Amino acid sequence: MSAAQHQDVAAYALGVLEPADSLEVEAHLGDCLPCAAELAAFSRVVALLAPLTEPHALPPARATTSAPSPPLLDRLLATVRRARRTSRLRLVAAAVAVLIAAPAGTVHLRDEQPHVLDARSGTVAASLALQPQAWGTGVALRMDGLDGPRRCELVAVGTDGAEETVLSWSVPQGGYGFPGRTGHERPLRAEGGTGLRADQIRRFEVRTLDGTRVLTIPAH
């Protein structure tokens, strides 16, 4: 992922993109699991940056005998908006630099592209984005064609046979990721993690909570 794409995701997380640019990023996020994983990482630091993005208080206005004319007022407002947007975009660039350069153990992005795994069984399709972390592996999941109602879990199976539950969720009546099925067109998106490193994982399994295997996703 390029530095420019990192900045687009960060700007979207901070809400400083123009509406047309936001729509373009949203369309891209719907098809790009790695970018969705990066957005999740940026979102965790938005709360820390929020106080810095608030516009500075302006000094009390001096009394005038008349209000600005509409054209002048429009120009003044446009100038203020540009100044605030420029200030916030500088914070975006700083946030990207801090996230990429942060030491191990802090919330940060890494330079390498997340490792993406794909699998399909019948109508059910899944994609996983694996991101190495100091504590193990971050996992972002997308699933399409998953019918319900039922409760499921994603399990990481280690090379030694040990198992760890990465995350669990409920599937509503109508399911997730069915184009043309009103109210259920969107895929399932969820995030979790495991203490296993990527090289310690043999496969992932999507199971129902009663143990029925829905899908197997090889890790290598």
C-alpha atoms as a PDB file:
ATOM      1  CA  MET A   1       0.000   0.000   0.000  1.00  0.00           C
ATOM      2  CA  SER A   2       1.440   3.388  -0.976  1.00  0.00           C
ATOM      3  CA  ALA A   3       1.934   6.348   1.368  1.00  0.00           C
ATOM      4  CA  ALA A   4      -0.730   8.251  -0.591  1.00  0.00           C
ATOM      5  CA  GLN A   5      -3.258   5.495   0.085  1.00  0.00           C
ATOM      6  CA  HIS A   6      -2.310   5.551   3.779  1.00  0.00           C
ATOM      7  CA  GLN A   7      -3.075   9.273   3.843  1.00  0.00           C
ATOM      8  CA  ASP A   8      -6.413   8.761   2.072  1.00  0.00           C
ATOM      9  CA  VAL A   9      -7.455   6.199   4.692  1.00  0.00           C
ATOM     10  CA  ALA A  10      -6.276   8.453   7.527  1.00  0.00           C
ATOM     11  CA  ALA A  11      -8.064  11.476   6.082  1.00  0.00           C
ATOM     12  CA  TYR A  12     -11.251   9.416   5.748  1.00  0.00           C
ATOM     13  CA  ALA A  13     -10.966   8.231   9.370  1.00  0.00           C
ATOM     14  CA  LEU A  14     -10.631  11.844  10.524  1.00  0.00           C
ATOM     15  CA  GLY A  15     -13.521  13.003   8.332  1.00  0.00           C
ATOM     16  CA  VAL A  16     -11.568  15.653   6.428  1.00  0.00           C
ATOM     17  CA  LEU A  17     -12.189  14.447   2.866  1.00  0.00           C
ATOM     18  CA  GLU A  18     -14.571  16.173   0.505  1.00  0.00           C
ATOM     19  CA  PRO A  19     -17.872  14.264  -0.003  1.00  0.00           C
ATOM     20  CA  ALA A  20     -16.880  12.997  -3.462  1.00  0.00           C
ATOM     21  CA  ASP A  21     -13.517  11.752  -2.153  1.00  0.00           C
ATOM     22  CA  SER A  22     -15.213  10.066   0.820  1.00  0.00           C
ATOM     23  CA  LEU A  23     -17.546   8.172  -1.520  1.00  0.00           C
ATOM     24  CA  GLU A  24     -14.561   7.042  -3.590  1.00  0.00           C
ATOM     25  CA  VAL A  25     -12.745   5.774  -0.487  1.00  0.00           C
ATOM     26  CA  GLU A  26     -15.891   3.976   0.739  1.00  0.00           C
ATOM     27  CA  ALA A  27     -16.272   2.233  -2.615  1.00  0.00           C
ATOM     28  CA  HIS A  28     -12.622   1.135  -2.439  1.00  0.00           C
ATOM     29  CA  LEU A  29     -12.951  -0.096   1.154  1.00  0.00           C
ATOM     30  CA  GLY A  30     -15.855  -2.317   0.121  1.00  0.00           C
ATOM     31  CA  ASP A  31     -13.533  -4.293  -2.168  1.00  0.00           C
ATOM     32  CA  CYS A  32     -10.157  -4.022  -0.417  1.00  0.00           C
ATOM     33  CA  LEU A  33      -9.820  -5.945   2.832  1.00  0.00           C
ATOM     34  CA  PRO A  34      -6.249  -4.732   3.543  1.00  0.00           C
ATOM     35  CA  CYS A  35      -7.380  -1.092   3.332  1.00  0.00           C
ATOM     36  CA  ALA A  36     -10.318  -1.904   5.611  1.00  0.00           C
ATOM     37  CA  ALA A  37      -7.846  -3.347   8.116  1.00  0.00           C
ATOM     38  CA  GLU A  38      -5.724  -0.194   7.881  1.00  0.00           C
ATOM     39  CA  LEU A  39      -8.836   1.949   8.444  1.00  0.00           C
ATOM     40  CA  ALA A  40      -9.573   0.005  11.620  1.00  0.00           C
ATOM     41  CA  ALA A  41      -6.039   0.717  12.870  1.00  0.00           C
ATOM     42  CA  PHE A  42      -6.366   4.436  12.106  1.00  0.00           C
ATOM     43  CA  SER A  43      -9.787   4.589  13.763  1.00  0.00           C
ATOM     44  CA  ARG A  44      -8.264   3.519  17.073  1.00  0.00           C
ATOM     45  CA  VAL A  45      -6.178   6.705  17.204  1.00  0.00           C
ATOM     46  CA  VAL A  46      -8.833   9.144  15.979  1.00  0.00           C
ATOM     47  CA  ALA A  47      -9.996   9.675  19.562  1.00  0.00           C
ATOM     48  CA  LEU A  48      -6.444  10.637  20.549  1.00  0.00           C
ATOM     49  CA  LEU A  49      -6.199  13.154  17.705  1.00  0.00           C
ATOM     50  CA  ALA A  50      -9.714  14.567  18.091  1.00  0.00           C
ATOM     51  CA  PRO A  51      -8.782  17.336  20.579  1.00  0.00           C
ATOM     52  CA  LEU A  52      -6.112  18.565  18.156  1.00  0.00           C
ATOM     53  CA  THR A  53      -8.531  18.845  15.234  1.00  0.00           C
ATOM     54  CA  GLU A  54     -10.929  21.218  16.967  1.00  0.00           C
ATOM     55  CA  PRO A  55     -10.788  24.724  15.476  1.00  0.00           C
ATOM     56  CA  HIS A  56      -9.052  27.263  17.696  1.00  0.00           C
ATOM     57  CA  ALA A  57     -11.320  29.694  19.448  1.00  0.00           C
ATOM     58  CA  LEU A  58     -11.465  33.012  17.673  1.00  0.00           C
ATOM     59  CA  PRO A  59     -10.988  36.293  19.584  1.00  0.00           C
ATOM     60  CA  PRO A  60     -14.150  38.282  20.275  1.00  0.00           C
ATOM     61  CA  ALA A  61     -15.281  40.142  17.192  1.00  0.00           C
ATOM     62  CA  ARG A  62     -14.892  43.904  17.221  1.00  0.00           C
ATOM     63  CA  ALA A  63     -18.172  45.754  16.962  1.00  0.00           C
ATOM     64  CA  THR A  64     -18.928  47.038  13.478  1.00  0.00           C
ATOM     65  CA  THR A  65     -21.549  49.366  12.165  1.00  0.00           C
ATOM     66  CA  SER A  66     -22.657  46.971   9.416  1.00  0.00           C
ATOM     67  CA  ALA A  67     -22.564  43.264   8.585  1.00  0.00           C
ATOM     68  CA  PRO A  68     -20.299  42.031   5.761  1.00  0.00           C
ATOM     69  CA  SER A  69     -21.907  41.882   2.364  1.00  0.00           C
ATOM     70  CA  PRO A  70     -22.986  38.355   1.237  1.00  0.00           C
ATOM     71  CA  PRO A  71     -20.135  38.009  -1.331  1.00  0.00           C
ATOM     72  CA  LEU A  72     -17.555  39.110   1.243  1.00  0.00           C
ATOM     73  CA  LEU A  73     -19.032  36.790   3.874  1.00  0.00           C
ATOM     74  CA  ASP A  74     -18.869  33.855   1.449  1.00  0.00           C
ATOM     75  CA  ARG A  75     -15.196  34.585   0.751  1.00  0.00           C
ATOM     76  CA  LEU A  76     -14.405  34.866   4.454  1.00  0.00           C
ATOM     77  CA  LEU A  77     -16.131  31.567   5.249  1.00  0.00           C
ATOM     78  CA  ALA A  78     -14.334  29.838   2.372  1.00  0.00           C
ATOM     79  CA  THR A  79     -11.003  31.129   3.689  1.00  0.00           C
ATOM     80  CA  VAL A  80     -11.747  29.838   7.195  1.00  0.00           C
ATOM     81  CA  ARG A  81     -12.782  26.427   5.847  1.00  0.00           C
ATOM     82  CA  ARG A  82      -9.592  26.151   3.774  1.00  0.00           C
ATOM     83  CA  ALA A  83      -7.424  27.119   6.745  1.00  0.00           C
ATOM     84  CA  ARG A  84      -9.083  24.580   9.024  1.00  0.00           C
ATOM     85  CA  ARG A  85      -8.889  21.835   6.382  1.00  0.00           C
ATOM     86  CA  THR A  86      -5.192  22.549   5.768  1.00  0.00           C
ATOM     87  CA  SER A  87      -4.474  22.417   9.497  1.00  0.00           C
ATOM     88  CA  ARG A  88      -6.289  19.115   9.911  1.00  0.00           C
ATOM     89  CA  LEU A  89      -4.630  17.563   6.853  1.00  0.00           C
ATOM     90  CA  ARG A  90      -1.247  18.447   8.354  1.00  0.00           C
ATOM     91  CA  LEU A  91      -2.337  16.457  11.396  1.00  0.00           C
ATOM     92  CA  VAL A  92      -3.205  13.552   9.099  1.00  0.00           C
ATOM     93  CA  ALA A  93       0.302  13.570   7.643  1.00  0.00           C
ATOM     94  CA  ALA A  94       1.754  13.711  11.154  1.00  0.00           C
ATOM     95  CA  ALA A  95      -0.504  10.866  12.279  1.00  0.00           C
ATOM     96  CA  VAL A  96       0.642   8.692   9.375  1.00  0.00           C
ATOM     97  CA  ALA A  97       4.283   9.338  10.234  1.00  0.00           C
ATOM     98  CA  VAL A  98       3.722   8.588  13.930  1.00  0.00           C
ATOM     99  CA  LEU A  99       1.745   5.411  13.252  1.00  0.00           C
ATOM    100  CA  ILE A 100       4.330   4.011  10.846  1.00  0.00           C
ATOM    101  CA  ALA A 101       7.313   4.938  13.032  1.00  0.00           C
ATOM    102  CA  ALA A 102       5.821   4.047  16.438  1.00  0.00           C
ATOM    103  CA  PRO A 103       7.846   1.552  18.522  1.00  0.00           C
ATOM    104  CA  ALA A 104       6.707  -2.021  19.096  1.00  0.00           C
ATOM    105  CA  GLY A 105       3.896  -2.402  21.604  1.00  0.00           C
ATOM    106  CA  THR A 106       1.984   0.704  20.504  1.00  0.00           C
ATOM    107  CA  VAL A 107      -0.952   0.948  18.111  1.00  0.00           C
ATOM    108  CA  HIS A 108       0.665   1.456  14.721  1.00  0.00           C
ATOM    109  CA  LEU A 109       0.663   0.483  11.082  1.00  0.00           C
ATOM    110  CA  ARG A 110       3.426  -1.565   9.553  1.00  0.00           C
ATOM    111  CA  ASP A 111       5.027  -0.996   6.187  1.00  0.00           C
ATOM    112  CA  GLU A 112       4.303  -4.478   4.855  1.00  0.00           C
ATOM    113  CA  GLN A 113       1.081  -5.351   3.069  1.00  0.00           C
ATOM    114  CA  PRO A 114      -1.297  -7.496   5.154  1.00  0.00           C
ATOM    115  CA  HIS A 115      -1.279 -11.137   4.053  1.00  0.00           C
ATOM    116  CA  VAL A 116      -4.656 -11.969   2.472  1.00  0.00           C
ATOM    117  CA  LEU A 117      -6.215 -15.452   2.438  1.00  0.00           C
ATOM    118  CA  ASP A 118      -9.294 -16.463   0.430  1.00  0.00           C
ATOM    119  CA  ALA A 119     -11.533 -19.531   0.470  1.00  0.00           C
ATOM    120  CA  ARG A 120     -14.933 -20.607  -0.837  1.00  0.00           C
ATOM    121  CA  SER A 121     -17.300 -23.499  -0.191  1.00  0.00           C
ATOM    122  CA  GLY A 122     -20.613 -23.492  -2.051  1.00  0.00           C
ATOM    123  CA  THR A 123     -22.187 -20.057  -1.629  1.00  0.00           C
ATOM    124  CA  VAL A 124     -19.949 -19.159   1.332  1.00  0.00           C
ATOM    125  CA  ALA A 125     -16.828 -17.097   0.594  1.00  0.00           C
ATOM    126  CA  ALA A 126     -14.340 -15.629   3.053  1.00  0.00           C
ATOM    127  CA  SER A 127     -11.294 -13.368   2.976  1.00  0.00           C
ATOM    128  CA  LEU A 128      -8.870 -12.841   5.839  1.00  0.00           C
ATOM    129  CA  ALA A 129      -6.265 -10.085   6.164  1.00  0.00           C
ATOM    130  CA  LEU A 130      -3.474 -11.048   8.564  1.00  0.00           C
ATOM    131  CA  GLN A 131      -1.391  -8.259  10.096  1.00  0.00           C
ATOM    132  CA  PRO A 132       1.691  -9.141  12.199  1.00  0.00           C
ATOM    133  CA  GLN A 133       1.629  -7.521  15.633  1.00  0.00           C
ATOM    134  CA  ALA A 134       3.995  -7.542  18.601  1.00  0.00           C
ATOM    135  CA  TRP A 135       1.449  -9.657  20.502  1.00  0.00           C
ATOM    136  CA  GLY A 136       0.638 -12.110  17.670  1.00  0.00           C
ATOM    137  CA  THR A 137      -1.525 -11.610  14.574  1.00  0.00           C
ATOM    138  CA  GLY A 138      -4.364  -9.185  13.912  1.00  0.00           C
ATOM    139  CA  VAL A 139      -7.149 -10.662  11.782  1.00  0.00           C
ATOM    140  CA  ALA A 140      -9.777  -8.858   9.676  1.00  0.00           C
ATOM    141  CA  LEU A 141     -12.557 -11.070   8.302  1.00  0.00           C
ATOM    142  CA  ARG A 142     -14.997 -10.599   5.427  1.00  0.00           C
ATOM    143  CA  MET A 143     -17.669 -13.189   4.587  1.00  0.00           C
ATOM    144  CA  ASP A 144     -20.269 -13.362   1.815  1.00  0.00           C
ATOM    145  CA  GLY A 145     -23.105 -15.821   1.272  1.00  0.00           C
ATOM    146  CA  LEU A 146     -23.331 -16.723   4.963  1.00  0.00           C
ATOM    147  CA  ASP A 147     -26.915 -17.716   5.761  1.00  0.00           C
ATOM    148  CA  GLY A 148     -28.640 -17.589   9.143  1.00  0.00           C
ATOM    149  CA  PRO A 149     -29.847 -17.553  11.785  1.00  0.00           C
ATOM    150  CA  ARG A 150     -26.929 -19.135  13.619  1.00  0.00           C
ATOM    151  CA  ARG A 151     -23.910 -18.256  15.728  1.00  0.00           C
ATOM    152  CA  CYS A 152     -20.426 -18.748  14.356  1.00  0.00           C
ATOM    153  CA  GLU A 153     -16.795 -18.421  15.345  1.00  0.00           C
ATOM    154  CA  LEU A 154     -13.452 -18.126  13.586  1.00  0.00           C
ATOM    155  CA  VAL A 155     -10.846 -20.502  14.996  1.00  0.00           C
ATOM    156  CA  ALA A 156      -7.094 -20.450  14.341  1.00  0.00           C
ATOM    157  CA  VAL A 157      -5.557 -23.941  14.271  1.00  0.00           C
ATOM    158  CA  GLY A 158      -1.837 -23.975  15.026  1.00  0.00           C
ATOM    159  CA  THR A 159       0.829 -26.111  13.414  1.00  0.00           C
ATOM    160  CA  ASP A 160       0.941 -28.068  16.690  1.00  0.00           C
ATOM    161  CA  GLY A 161      -2.823 -28.683  16.607  1.00  0.00           C
ATOM    162  CA  ALA A 162      -3.636 -26.117  19.304  1.00  0.00           C
ATOM    163  CA  GLU A 163      -6.752 -24.009  18.702  1.00  0.00           C
ATOM    164  CA  GLU A 164      -7.574 -20.396  19.534  1.00  0.00           C
ATOM    165  CA  THR A 165     -10.899 -18.622  18.979  1.00  0.00           C
ATOM    166  CA  VAL A 166     -10.188 -15.434  17.038  1.00  0.00           C
ATOM    167  CA  LEU A 167     -13.722 -14.001  17.166  1.00  0.00           C
ATOM    168  CA  SER A 168     -17.399 -14.994  17.244  1.00  0.00           C
ATOM    169  CA  TRP A 169     -20.610 -13.451  15.915  1.00  0.00           C
ATOM    170  CA  SER A 170     -24.331 -13.963  15.325  1.00  0.00           C
ATOM    171  CA  VAL A 171     -25.795 -14.364  11.836  1.00  0.00           C
ATOM    172  CA  PRO A 172     -29.337 -12.952  11.511  1.00  0.00           C
ATOM    173  CA  GLN A 173     -32.198 -14.451   9.561  1.00  0.00           C
ATOM    174  CA  GLY A 174     -31.384 -13.582   5.952  1.00  0.00           C
ATOM    175  CA  GLY A 175     -27.637 -13.793   6.497  1.00  0.00           C
ATOM    176  CA  TYR A 176     -24.783 -11.664   5.164  1.00  0.00           C
ATOM    177  CA  GLY A 177     -23.530 -10.925   1.666  1.00  0.00           C
ATOM    178  CA  PHE A 178     -26.465 -11.858  -0.560  1.00  0.00           C
ATOM    179  CA  PRO A 179     -26.803  -9.434  -3.515  1.00  0.00           C
ATOM    180  CA  GLY A 180     -30.460  -8.923  -4.312  1.00  0.00           C
ATOM    181  CA  ARG A 181     -31.646 -10.046  -0.875  1.00  0.00           C
ATOM    182  CA  THR A 182     -33.083  -6.817   0.519  1.00  0.00           C
ATOM    183  CA  GLY A 183     -31.454  -5.789   3.782  1.00  0.00           C
ATOM    184  CA  HIS A 184     -28.826  -8.513   3.582  1.00  0.00           C
ATOM    185  CA  GLU A 185     -26.629  -7.383   0.696  1.00  0.00           C
ATOM    186  CA  ARG A 186     -23.702  -6.294   2.857  1.00  0.00           C
ATOM    187  CA  PRO A 187     -20.987  -8.810   3.753  1.00  0.00           C
ATOM    188  CA  LEU A 188     -20.034  -9.634   7.305  1.00  0.00           C
ATOM    189  CA  ARG A 189     -16.990  -7.668   8.483  1.00  0.00           C
ATOM    190  CA  ALA A 190     -15.349  -8.377  11.822  1.00  0.00           C
ATOM    191  CA  GLU A 191     -11.948  -8.064  13.486  1.00  0.00           C
ATOM    192  CA  GLY A 192     -10.090 -10.057  16.077  1.00  0.00           C
ATOM    193  CA  GLY A 193      -6.682 -11.428  16.886  1.00  0.00           C
ATOM    194  CA  THR A 194      -4.681 -14.419  18.016  1.00  0.00           C
ATOM    195  CA  GLY A 195      -1.519 -14.823  20.056  1.00  0.00           C
ATOM    196  CA  LEU A 196      -0.168 -17.118  17.337  1.00  0.00           C
ATOM    197  CA  ARG A 197       2.249 -15.721  14.775  1.00  0.00           C
ATOM    198  CA  ALA A 198       1.316 -16.222  11.122  1.00  0.00           C
ATOM    199  CA  ASP A 199       3.995 -18.908  10.696  1.00  0.00           C
ATOM    200  CA  GLN A 200       2.485 -20.816  13.632  1.00  0.00           C
ATOM    201  CA  ILE A 201      -0.977 -21.051  12.023  1.00  0.00           C
ATOM    202  CA  ARG A 202      -1.860 -24.020   9.812  1.00  0.00           C
ATOM    203  CA  ARG A 203      -5.411 -23.002   8.939  1.00  0.00           C
ATOM    204  CA  PHE A 204      -8.479 -21.061  10.013  1.00  0.00           C
ATOM    205  CA  GLU A 205     -11.912 -22.614  10.373  1.00  0.00           C
ATOM    206  CA  VAL A 206     -15.326 -20.966  10.422  1.00  0.00           C
ATOM    207  CA  ARG A 207     -17.587 -23.079  12.625  1.00  0.00           C
ATOM    208  CA  THR A 208     -21.006 -22.882  14.179  1.00  0.00           C
ATOM    209  CA  LEU A 209     -20.942 -22.887  17.974  1.00  0.00           C
ATOM    210  CA  ASP A 210     -22.135 -26.503  17.990  1.00  0.00           C
ATOM    211  CA  GLY A 211     -18.905 -27.455  16.183  1.00  0.00           C
ATOM    212  CA  THR A 212     -20.149 -27.799  12.592  1.00  0.00           C
ATOM    213  CA  ARG A 213     -17.446 -26.688  10.157  1.00  0.00           C
ATOM    214  CA  VAL A 214     -18.683 -24.090   7.659  1.00  0.00           C
ATOM    215  CA  LEU A 215     -15.440 -23.243   5.854  1.00  0.00           C
ATOM    216  CA  THR A 216     -11.725 -24.026   6.047  1.00  0.00           C
ATOM    217  CA  ILE A 217      -9.176 -21.350   5.102  1.00  0.00           C
ATOM    218  CA  PRO A 218      -5.616 -22.682   4.634  1.00  0.00           C
ATOM    219  CA  ALA A 219      -2.985 -20.327   6.039  1.00  0.00           C
ATOM    220  CA  HIS A 220      -0.254 -21.233   3.543  1.00  0.00           C
END
